[in-house]
Amino acid sequence: MKKMNRFEQFKARALRSPRVRKAYEDGLEDLRIAVSLAELREQRGMTQTELAAKIHTSPAVISRLERGQNVELKTLKKVAAALEARLTVEPLAP
């Protein structure tokens, strides 16, 4: 078995806290959404600037969205519509 480095040890200790674990998991979900949106935009052959123009916002807003930073639901709806996609909420796998 591989020995954990100092960061891995720290992370394992920190994640024992329910509050830290929740924040960590929330951050991972934000990142999953951000990556999915960036991948879909690229599959549609659009740049951040083109997507921004299509929904009448700035490229900086699209950049923040794709980095998983706080974005309003109405912005997500506009982006989904511009990418011809649907926003969904799914139950967690057991």
PDB file of N, CA and C in Angstrom:
ATOM      1  N   MET A   1       0.841  -1.190   0.000  1.00  0.00           N
ATOM      2  CA  MET A   1       0.000   0.000   0.000  1.00  0.00           C
ATOM      3  C   MET A   1       0.881   1.247   0.000  1.00  0.00           C
ATOM      4  N   LYS A   2       0.505   2.220  -0.805  1.00  0.00           N
ATOM      5  CA  LYS A   2       1.254   3.462  -0.925  1.00  0.00           C
ATOM      6  C   LYS A   2       1.099   4.296   0.344  1.00  0.00           C
ATOM      7  N   LYS A   3       2.219   4.830   0.796  1.00  0.00           N
ATOM      8  CA  LYS A   3       2.205   5.705   1.962  1.00  0.00           C
ATOM      9  C   LYS A   3       1.659   7.069   1.555  1.00  0.00           C
ATOM     10  N   MET A   4       0.784   7.644   2.388  1.00  0.00           N
ATOM     11  CA  MET A   4       0.204   8.952   2.080  1.00  0.00           C
ATOM     12  C   MET A   4       1.238  10.055   2.313  1.00  0.00           C
ATOM     13  N   ASN A   5       1.258  11.034   1.380  1.00  0.00           N
ATOM     14  CA  ASN A   5       2.118  12.192   1.591  1.00  0.00           C
ATOM     15  C   ASN A   5       1.448  13.140   2.586  1.00  0.00           C
ATOM     16  N   ARG A   6       2.122  14.215   2.913  1.00  0.00           N
ATOM     17  CA  ARG A   6       1.603  15.132   3.944  1.00  0.00           C
ATOM     18  C   ARG A   6       0.263  15.741   3.542  1.00  0.00           C
ATOM     19  N   PHE A   7       0.123  16.101   2.269  1.00  0.00           N
ATOM     20  CA  PHE A   7      -1.148  16.671   1.827  1.00  0.00           C
ATOM     21  C   PHE A   7      -2.277  15.655   1.963  1.00  0.00           C
ATOM     22  N   GLU A   8      -2.033  14.433   1.528  1.00  0.00           N
ATOM     23  CA  GLU A   8      -3.058  13.380   1.620  1.00  0.00           C
ATOM     24  C   GLU A   8      -3.440  13.108   3.072  1.00  0.00           C
ATOM     25  N   GLN A   9      -2.465  13.147   3.974  1.00  0.00           N
ATOM     26  CA  GLN A   9      -2.750  12.971   5.404  1.00  0.00           C
ATOM     27  C   GLN A   9      -3.610  14.118   5.919  1.00  0.00           C
ATOM     28  N   PHE A  10      -3.230  15.342   5.545  1.00  0.00           N
ATOM     29  CA  PHE A  10      -3.996  16.518   5.955  1.00  0.00           C
ATOM     30  C   PHE A  10      -5.428  16.428   5.441  1.00  0.00           C
ATOM     31  N   LYS A  11      -5.567  16.084   4.144  1.00  0.00           N
ATOM     32  CA  LYS A  11      -6.897  15.991   3.533  1.00  0.00           C
ATOM     33  C   LYS A  11      -7.743  14.943   4.244  1.00  0.00           C
ATOM     34  N   ALA A  12      -7.184  13.789   4.521  1.00  0.00           N
ATOM     35  CA  ALA A  12      -7.923  12.724   5.202  1.00  0.00           C
ATOM     36  C   ALA A  12      -8.394  13.188   6.573  1.00  0.00           C
ATOM     37  N   ARG A  13      -7.522  13.884   7.310  1.00  0.00           N
ATOM     38  CA  ARG A  13      -7.919  14.399   8.632  1.00  0.00           C
ATOM     39  C   ARG A  13      -9.014  15.449   8.497  1.00  0.00           C
ATOM     40  N   ALA A  14      -8.835  16.369   7.556  1.00  0.00           N
ATOM     41  CA  ALA A  14      -9.795  17.469   7.384  1.00  0.00           C
ATOM     42  C   ALA A  14     -11.168  16.942   6.998  1.00  0.00           C
ATOM     43  N   LEU A  15     -11.216  15.927   6.134  1.00  0.00           N
ATOM     44  CA  LEU A  15     -12.496  15.409   5.653  1.00  0.00           C
ATOM     45  C   LEU A  15     -13.264  14.628   6.711  1.00  0.00           C
ATOM     46  N   ARG A  16     -12.663  14.408   7.854  1.00  0.00           N
ATOM     47  CA  ARG A  16     -13.400  13.770   8.959  1.00  0.00           C
ATOM     48  C   ARG A  16     -14.448  14.709   9.543  1.00  0.00           C
ATOM     49  N   SER A  17     -14.234  15.996   9.358  1.00  0.00           N
ATOM     50  CA  SER A  17     -15.191  16.994   9.841  1.00  0.00           C
ATOM     51  C   SER A  17     -16.375  17.048   8.886  1.00  0.00           C
ATOM     52  N   PRO A  18     -17.601  16.859   9.398  1.00  0.00           N
ATOM     53  CA  PRO A  18     -18.777  16.903   8.514  1.00  0.00           C
ATOM     54  C   PRO A  18     -18.894  18.233   7.760  1.00  0.00           C
ATOM     55  N   ARG A  19     -18.532  19.325   8.406  1.00  0.00           N
ATOM     56  CA  ARG A  19     -18.630  20.646   7.768  1.00  0.00           C
ATOM     57  C   ARG A  19     -17.623  20.760   6.621  1.00  0.00           C
ATOM     58  N   VAL A  20     -16.418  20.304   6.836  1.00  0.00           N
ATOM     59  CA  VAL A  20     -15.388  20.348   5.794  1.00  0.00           C
ATOM     60  C   VAL A  20     -15.752  19.402   4.660  1.00  0.00           C
ATOM     61  N   ARG A  21     -16.230  18.202   4.996  1.00  0.00           N
ATOM     62  CA  ARG A  21     -16.611  17.228   3.962  1.00  0.00           C
ATOM     63  C   ARG A  21     -17.722  17.789   3.083  1.00  0.00           C
ATOM     64  N   LYS A  22     -18.712  18.447   3.686  1.00  0.00           N
ATOM     65  CA  LYS A  22     -19.824  19.020   2.923  1.00  0.00           C
ATOM     66  C   LYS A  22     -19.305  20.094   1.967  1.00  0.00           C
ATOM     67  N   ALA A  23     -18.456  20.983   2.449  1.00  0.00           N
ATOM     68  CA  ALA A  23     -17.907  22.046   1.603  1.00  0.00           C
ATOM     69  C   ALA A  23     -17.083  21.447   0.464  1.00  0.00           C
ATOM     70  N   TYR A  24     -16.318  20.411   0.763  1.00  0.00           N
ATOM     71  CA  TYR A  24     -15.499  19.735  -0.246  1.00  0.00           C
ATOM     72  C   TYR A  24     -16.382  19.120  -1.324  1.00  0.00           C
ATOM     73  N   GLU A  25     -17.427  18.417  -0.905  1.00  0.00           N
ATOM     74  CA  GLU A  25     -18.326  17.774  -1.867  1.00  0.00           C
ATOM     75  C   GLU A  25     -19.092  18.801  -2.691  1.00  0.00           C
ATOM     76  N   ASP A  26     -19.511  19.895  -2.054  1.00  0.00           N
ATOM     77  CA  ASP A  26     -20.192  20.969  -2.795  1.00  0.00           C
ATOM     78  C   ASP A  26     -19.261  21.559  -3.851  1.00  0.00           C
ATOM     79  N   GLY A  27     -18.008  21.745  -3.500  1.00  0.00           N
ATOM     80  CA  GLY A  27     -17.033  22.281  -4.445  1.00  0.00           C
ATOM     81  C   GLY A  27     -16.807  21.347  -5.617  1.00  0.00           C
ATOM     82  N   LEU A  28     -16.782  20.046  -5.346  1.00  0.00           N
ATOM     83  CA  LEU A  28     -16.624  19.070  -6.430  1.00  0.00           C
ATOM     84  C   LEU A  28     -17.814  19.110  -7.378  1.00  0.00           C
ATOM     85  N   GLU A  29     -19.014  19.260  -6.825  1.00  0.00           N
ATOM     86  CA  GLU A  29     -20.212  19.318  -7.674  1.00  0.00           C
ATOM     87  C   GLU A  29     -20.183  20.574  -8.540  1.00  0.00           C
ATOM     88  N   ASP A  30     -19.769  21.697  -7.958  1.00  0.00           N
ATOM     89  CA  ASP A  30     -19.642  22.930  -8.748  1.00  0.00           C
ATOM     90  C   ASP A  30     -18.666  22.725  -9.898  1.00  0.00           C
ATOM     91  N   LEU A  31     -17.561  22.062  -9.609  1.00  0.00           N
ATOM     92  CA  LEU A  31     -16.550  21.817 -10.632  1.00  0.00           C
ATOM     93  C   LEU A  31     -17.080  20.881 -11.725  1.00  0.00           C
ATOM     94  N   ARG A  32     -17.832  19.854 -11.349  1.00  0.00           N
ATOM     95  CA  ARG A  32     -18.426  18.947 -12.338  1.00  0.00           C
ATOM     96  C   ARG A  32     -19.344  19.707 -13.298  1.00  0.00           C
ATOM     97  N   ILE A  33     -20.166  20.573 -12.746  1.00  0.00           N
ATOM     98  CA  ILE A  33     -21.083  21.369 -13.566  1.00  0.00           C
ATOM     99  C   ILE A  33     -20.288  22.289 -14.491  1.00  0.00           C
ATOM    100  N   ALA A  34     -19.296  22.958 -13.938  1.00  0.00           N
ATOM    101  CA  ALA A  34     -18.487  23.886 -14.731  1.00  0.00           C
ATOM    102  C   ALA A  34     -17.804  23.174 -15.891  1.00  0.00           C
ATOM    103  N   VAL A  35     -17.210  22.025 -15.622  1.00  0.00           N
ATOM    104  CA  VAL A  35     -16.519  21.267 -16.666  1.00  0.00           C
ATOM    105  C   VAL A  35     -17.512  20.789 -17.722  1.00  0.00           C
ATOM    106  N   SER A  36     -18.674  20.333 -17.293  1.00  0.00           N
ATOM    107  CA  SER A  36     -19.700  19.879 -18.241  1.00  0.00           C
ATOM    108  C   SER A  36     -20.122  21.003 -19.170  1.00  0.00           C
ATOM    109  N   LEU A  37     -20.326  22.195 -18.619  1.00  0.00           N
ATOM    110  CA  LEU A  37     -20.729  23.330 -19.448  1.00  0.00           C
ATOM    111  C   LEU A  37     -19.624  23.721 -20.427  1.00  0.00           C
ATOM    112  N   ALA A  38     -18.389  23.738 -19.966  1.00  0.00           N
ATOM    113  CA  ALA A  38     -17.271  24.088 -20.852  1.00  0.00           C
ATOM    114  C   ALA A  38     -17.131  23.053 -21.971  1.00  0.00           C
ATOM    115  N   GLU A  39     -17.263  21.775 -21.630  1.00  0.00           N
ATOM    116  CA  GLU A  39     -17.161  20.725 -22.648  1.00  0.00           C
ATOM    117  C   GLU A  39     -18.286  20.843 -23.674  1.00  0.00           C
ATOM    118  N   LEU A  40     -19.496  21.104 -23.200  1.00  0.00           N
ATOM    119  CA  LEU A  40     -20.636  21.240 -24.119  1.00  0.00           C
ATOM    120  C   LEU A  40     -20.448  22.444 -25.034  1.00  0.00           C
ATOM    121  N   ARG A  41     -19.968  23.556 -24.476  1.00  0.00           N
ATOM    122  CA  ARG A  41     -19.709  24.742 -25.297  1.00  0.00           C
ATOM    123  C   ARG A  41     -18.696  24.413 -26.387  1.00  0.00           C
ATOM    124  N   GLU A  42     -17.641  23.720 -26.011  1.00  0.00           N
ATOM    125  CA  GLU A  42     -16.615  23.360 -26.991  1.00  0.00           C
ATOM    126  C   GLU A  42     -17.164  22.386 -28.035  1.00  0.00           C
ATOM    127  N   GLN A  43     -17.988  21.439 -27.615  1.00  0.00           N
ATOM    128  CA  GLN A  43     -18.604  20.503 -28.567  1.00  0.00           C
ATOM    129  C   GLN A  43     -19.482  21.247 -29.567  1.00  0.00           C
ATOM    130  N   ARG A  44     -20.099  22.329 -29.122  1.00  0.00           N
ATOM    131  CA  ARG A  44     -20.955  23.130 -30.001  1.00  0.00           C
ATOM    132  C   ARG A  44     -20.126  24.059 -30.888  1.00  0.00           C
ATOM    133  N   GLY A  45     -18.807  24.034 -30.697  1.00  0.00           N
ATOM    134  CA  GLY A  45     -17.914  24.846 -31.518  1.00  0.00           C
ATOM    135  C   GLY A  45     -17.958  26.329 -31.207  1.00  0.00           C
ATOM    136  N   MET A  46     -18.274  26.662 -29.968  1.00  0.00           N
ATOM    137  CA  MET A  46     -18.388  28.069 -29.577  1.00  0.00           C
ATOM    138  C   MET A  46     -17.243  28.473 -28.663  1.00  0.00           C
ATOM    139  N   THR A  47     -16.820  29.709 -28.798  1.00  0.00           N
ATOM    140  CA  THR A  47     -15.865  30.280 -27.854  1.00  0.00           C
ATOM    141  C   THR A  47     -16.653  30.880 -26.690  1.00  0.00           C
ATOM    142  N   GLN A  48     -15.946  31.213 -25.625  1.00  0.00           N
ATOM    143  CA  GLN A  48     -16.612  31.891 -24.506  1.00  0.00           C
ATOM    144  C   GLN A  48     -17.194  33.226 -24.963  1.00  0.00           C
ATOM    145  N   THR A  49     -16.479  33.912 -25.827  1.00  0.00           N
ATOM    146  CA  THR A  49     -16.943  35.211 -26.325  1.00  0.00           C
ATOM    147  C   THR A  49     -18.213  35.058 -27.153  1.00  0.00           C
ATOM    148  N   GLU A  50     -18.264  34.041 -28.004  1.00  0.00           N
ATOM    149  CA  GLU A  50     -19.462  33.808 -28.816  1.00  0.00           C
ATOM    150  C   GLU A  50     -20.661  33.447 -27.946  1.00  0.00           C
ATOM    151  N   LEU A  51     -20.441  32.585 -26.952  1.00  0.00           N
ATOM    152  CA  LEU A  51     -21.539  32.220 -26.049  1.00  0.00           C
ATOM    153  C   LEU A  51     -22.008  33.437 -25.270  1.00  0.00           C
ATOM    154  N   ALA A  52     -21.078  34.234 -24.801  1.00  0.00           N
ATOM    155  CA  ALA A  52     -21.437  35.452 -24.060  1.00  0.00           C
ATOM    156  C   ALA A  52     -22.291  36.380 -24.912  1.00  0.00           C
ATOM    157  N   ALA A  53     -21.897  36.568 -26.161  1.00  0.00           N
ATOM    158  CA  ALA A  53     -22.663  37.444 -27.053  1.00  0.00           C
ATOM    159  C   ALA A  53     -24.071  36.899 -27.274  1.00  0.00           C
ATOM    160  N   LYS A  54     -24.178  35.589 -27.366  1.00  0.00           N
ATOM    161  CA  LYS A  54     -25.473  34.971 -27.632  1.00  0.00           C
ATOM    162  C   LYS A  54     -26.458  35.179 -26.479  1.00  0.00           C
ATOM    163  N   ILE A  55     -25.950  35.280 -25.253  1.00  0.00           N
ATOM    164  CA  ILE A  55     -26.853  35.482 -24.113  1.00  0.00           C
ATOM    165  C   ILE A  55     -26.746  36.902 -23.540  1.00  0.00           C
ATOM    166  N   HIS A  56     -26.093  37.793 -24.293  1.00  0.00           N
ATOM    167  CA  HIS A  56     -25.994  39.214 -23.928  1.00  0.00           C
ATOM    168  C   HIS A  56     -25.338  39.422 -22.564  1.00  0.00           C
ATOM    169  N   THR A  57     -24.167  38.817 -22.422  1.00  0.00           N
ATOM    170  CA  THR A  57     -23.384  39.014 -21.204  1.00  0.00           C
ATOM    171  C   THR A  57     -21.922  39.150 -21.614  1.00  0.00           C
ATOM    172  N   SER A  58     -21.051  39.217 -20.643  1.00  0.00           N
ATOM    173  CA  SER A  58     -19.618  39.378 -20.952  1.00  0.00           C
ATOM    174  C   SER A  58     -18.913  38.016 -20.945  1.00  0.00           C
ATOM    175  N   PRO A  59     -17.807  37.919 -21.661  1.00  0.00           N
ATOM    176  CA  PRO A  59     -17.011  36.690 -21.608  1.00  0.00           C
ATOM    177  C   PRO A  59     -16.545  36.368 -20.186  1.00  0.00           C
ATOM    178  N   ALA A  60     -16.372  37.395 -19.362  1.00  0.00           N
ATOM    179  CA  ALA A  60     -15.950  37.169 -17.973  1.00  0.00           C
ATOM    180  C   ALA A  60     -16.983  36.347 -17.207  1.00  0.00           C
ATOM    181  N   VAL A  61     -18.268  36.574 -17.488  1.00  0.00           N
ATOM    182  CA  VAL A  61     -19.326  35.797 -16.827  1.00  0.00           C
ATOM    183  C   VAL A  61     -19.220  34.328 -17.226  1.00  0.00           C
ATOM    184  N   ILE A  62     -18.986  34.066 -18.498  1.00  0.00           N
ATOM    185  CA  ILE A  62     -18.844  32.693 -18.971  1.00  0.00           C
ATOM    186  C   ILE A  62     -17.601  32.061 -18.358  1.00  0.00           C
ATOM    187  N   SER A  63     -16.532  32.816 -18.279  1.00  0.00           N
ATOM    188  CA  SER A  63     -15.297  32.320 -17.671  1.00  0.00           C
ATOM    189  C   SER A  63     -15.520  31.937 -16.207  1.00  0.00           C
ATOM    190  N   ARG A  64     -16.206  32.802 -15.462  1.00  0.00           N
ATOM    191  CA  ARG A  64     -16.499  32.503 -14.051  1.00  0.00           C
ATOM    192  C   ARG A  64     -17.348  31.248 -13.936  1.00  0.00           C
ATOM    193  N   LEU A  65     -18.335  31.131 -14.799  1.00  0.00           N
ATOM    194  CA  LEU A  65     -19.209  29.962 -14.812  1.00  0.00           C
ATOM    195  C   LEU A  65     -18.390  28.687 -15.035  1.00  0.00           C
ATOM    196  N   GLU A  66     -17.473  28.740 -15.981  1.00  0.00           N
ATOM    197  CA  GLU A  66     -16.674  27.564 -16.314  1.00  0.00           C
ATOM    198  C   GLU A  66     -15.575  27.276 -15.295  1.00  0.00           C
ATOM    199  N   ARG A  67     -15.374  28.178 -14.357  1.00  0.00           N
ATOM    200  CA  ARG A  67     -14.449  27.935 -13.250  1.00  0.00           C
ATOM    201  C   ARG A  67     -15.200  27.483 -12.003  1.00  0.00           C
ATOM    202  N   GLY A  68     -16.529  27.384 -12.111  1.00  0.00           N
ATOM    203  CA  GLY A  68     -17.324  26.918 -10.989  1.00  0.00           C
ATOM    204  C   GLY A  68     -17.599  27.973  -9.942  1.00  0.00           C
ATOM    205  N   GLN A  69     -17.464  29.224 -10.319  1.00  0.00           N
ATOM    206  CA  GLN A  69     -17.741  30.290  -9.366  1.00  0.00           C
ATOM    207  C   GLN A  69     -19.236  30.595  -9.351  1.00  0.00           C
ATOM    208  N   ASN A  70     -19.665  31.262  -8.332  1.00  0.00           N
ATOM    209  CA  ASN A  70     -21.081  31.529  -8.109  1.00  0.00           C
ATOM    210  C   ASN A  70     -21.745  32.197  -9.320  1.00  0.00           C
ATOM    211  N   VAL A  71     -22.808  31.581  -9.799  1.00  0.00           N
ATOM    212  CA  VAL A  71     -23.553  32.087 -10.946  1.00  0.00           C
ATOM    213  C   VAL A  71     -25.039  31.963 -10.626  1.00  0.00           C
ATOM    214  N   GLU A  72     -25.822  32.894 -11.114  1.00  0.00           N
ATOM    215  CA  GLU A  72     -27.261  32.865 -10.874  1.00  0.00           C
ATOM    216  C   GLU A  72     -27.939  31.807 -11.735  1.00  0.00           C
ATOM    217  N   LEU A  73     -29.030  31.281 -11.221  1.00  0.00           N
ATOM    218  CA  LEU A  73     -29.798  30.272 -11.940  1.00  0.00           C
ATOM    219  C   LEU A  73     -30.272  30.805 -13.291  1.00  0.00           C
ATOM    220  N   LYS A  74     -30.666  32.070 -13.340  1.00  0.00           N
ATOM    221  CA  LYS A  74     -31.152  32.616 -14.611  1.00  0.00           C
ATOM    222  C   LYS A  74     -30.039  32.612 -15.660  1.00  0.00           C
ATOM    223  N   THR A  75     -28.796  32.811 -15.235  1.00  0.00           N
ATOM    224  CA  THR A  75     -27.666  32.750 -16.169  1.00  0.00           C
ATOM    225  C   THR A  75     -27.476  31.325 -16.664  1.00  0.00           C
ATOM    226  N   LEU A  76     -27.567  30.360 -15.765  1.00  0.00           N
ATOM    227  CA  LEU A  76     -27.454  28.956 -16.176  1.00  0.00           C
ATOM    228  C   LEU A  76     -28.536  28.596 -17.181  1.00  0.00           C
ATOM    229  N   LYS A  77     -29.743  29.072 -16.961  1.00  0.00           N
ATOM    230  CA  LYS A  77     -30.844  28.799 -17.895  1.00  0.00           C
ATOM    231  C   LYS A  77     -30.545  29.386 -19.276  1.00  0.00           C
ATOM    232  N   LYS A  78     -30.035  30.610 -19.298  1.00  0.00           N
ATOM    233  CA  LYS A  78     -29.704  31.244 -20.578  1.00  0.00           C
ATOM    234  C   LYS A  78     -28.608  30.476 -21.300  1.00  0.00           C
ATOM    235  N   VAL A  79     -27.584  30.060 -20.557  1.00  0.00           N
ATOM    236  CA  VAL A  79     -26.484  29.304 -21.156  1.00  0.00           C
ATOM    237  C   VAL A  79     -27.003  27.977 -21.709  1.00  0.00           C
ATOM    238  N   ALA A  80     -27.821  27.289 -20.935  1.00  0.00           N
ATOM    239  CA  ALA A  80     -28.371  26.011 -21.400  1.00  0.00           C
ATOM    240  C   ALA A  80     -29.168  26.206 -22.685  1.00  0.00           C
ATOM    241  N   ALA A  81     -29.978  27.224 -22.735  1.00  0.00           N
ATOM    242  CA  ALA A  81     -30.773  27.483 -23.936  1.00  0.00           C
ATOM    243  C   ALA A  81     -29.864  27.795 -25.124  1.00  0.00           C
ATOM    244  N   ALA A  82     -28.838  28.593 -24.900  1.00  0.00           N
ATOM    245  CA  ALA A  82     -27.919  28.951 -25.981  1.00  0.00           C
ATOM    246  C   ALA A  82     -27.148  27.740 -26.499  1.00  0.00           C
ATOM    247  N   LEU A  83     -26.910  26.763 -25.615  1.00  0.00           N
ATOM    248  CA  LEU A  83     -26.190  25.557 -26.006  1.00  0.00           C
ATOM    249  C   LEU A  83     -27.133  24.430 -26.433  1.00  0.00           C
ATOM    250  N   GLU A  84     -28.424  24.769 -26.514  1.00  0.00           N
ATOM    251  CA  GLU A  84     -29.448  23.783 -26.854  1.00  0.00           C
ATOM    252  C   GLU A  84     -29.343  22.572 -25.927  1.00  0.00           C
ATOM    253  N   ALA A  85     -29.352  22.880 -24.626  1.00  0.00           N
ATOM    254  CA  ALA A  85     -29.237  21.853 -23.597  1.00  0.00           C
ATOM    255  C   ALA A  85     -30.326  22.090 -22.538  1.00  0.00           C
ATOM    256  N   ARG A  86     -30.449  21.146 -21.645  1.00  0.00           N
ATOM    257  CA  ARG A  86     -31.464  21.210 -20.589  1.00  0.00           C
ATOM    258  C   ARG A  86     -30.758  21.096 -19.236  1.00  0.00           C
ATOM    259  N   LEU A  87     -31.167  21.930 -18.293  1.00  0.00           N
ATOM    260  CA  LEU A  87     -30.674  21.799 -16.926  1.00  0.00           C
ATOM    261  C   LEU A  87     -31.509  20.747 -16.227  1.00  0.00           C
ATOM    262  N   THR A  88     -30.852  19.860 -15.521  1.00  0.00           N
ATOM    263  CA  THR A  88     -31.575  18.830 -14.772  1.00  0.00           C
ATOM    264  C   THR A  88     -30.992  18.686 -13.376  1.00  0.00           C
ATOM    265  N   VAL A  89     -31.829  18.206 -12.482  1.00  0.00           N
ATOM    266  CA  VAL A  89     -31.395  17.854 -11.133  1.00  0.00           C
ATOM    267  C   VAL A  89     -31.716  16.374 -10.984  1.00  0.00           C
ATOM    268  N   GLU A  90     -30.704  15.623 -10.577  1.00  0.00           N
ATOM    269  CA  GLU A  90     -30.861  14.173 -10.481  1.00  0.00           C
ATOM    270  C   GLU A  90     -30.579  13.723  -9.056  1.00  0.00           C
ATOM    271  N   PRO A  91     -31.225  12.649  -8.633  1.00  0.00           N
ATOM    272  CA  PRO A  91     -30.914  12.139  -7.292  1.00  0.00           C
ATOM    273  C   PRO A  91     -29.492  11.567  -7.272  1.00  0.00           C
ATOM    274  N   LEU A  92     -28.894  11.634  -6.115  1.00  0.00           N
ATOM    275  CA  LEU A  92     -27.564  11.065  -5.949  1.00  0.00           C
ATOM    276  C   LEU A  92     -27.639   9.551  -6.049  1.00  0.00           C
ATOM    277  N   ALA A  93     -26.598   8.956  -6.567  1.00  0.00           N
ATOM    278  CA  ALA A  93     -26.537   7.488  -6.622  1.00  0.00           C
ATOM    279  C   ALA A  93     -26.393   6.967  -5.189  1.00  0.00           C
ATOM    280  N   PRO A  94     -27.021   5.849  -4.896  1.00  0.00           N
ATOM    281  CA  PRO A  94     -26.936   5.310  -3.525  1.00  0.00           C
ATOM    282  C   PRO A  94     -25.546   4.879  -3.143  1.00  0.00           C
TER     283      PRO A  94
END
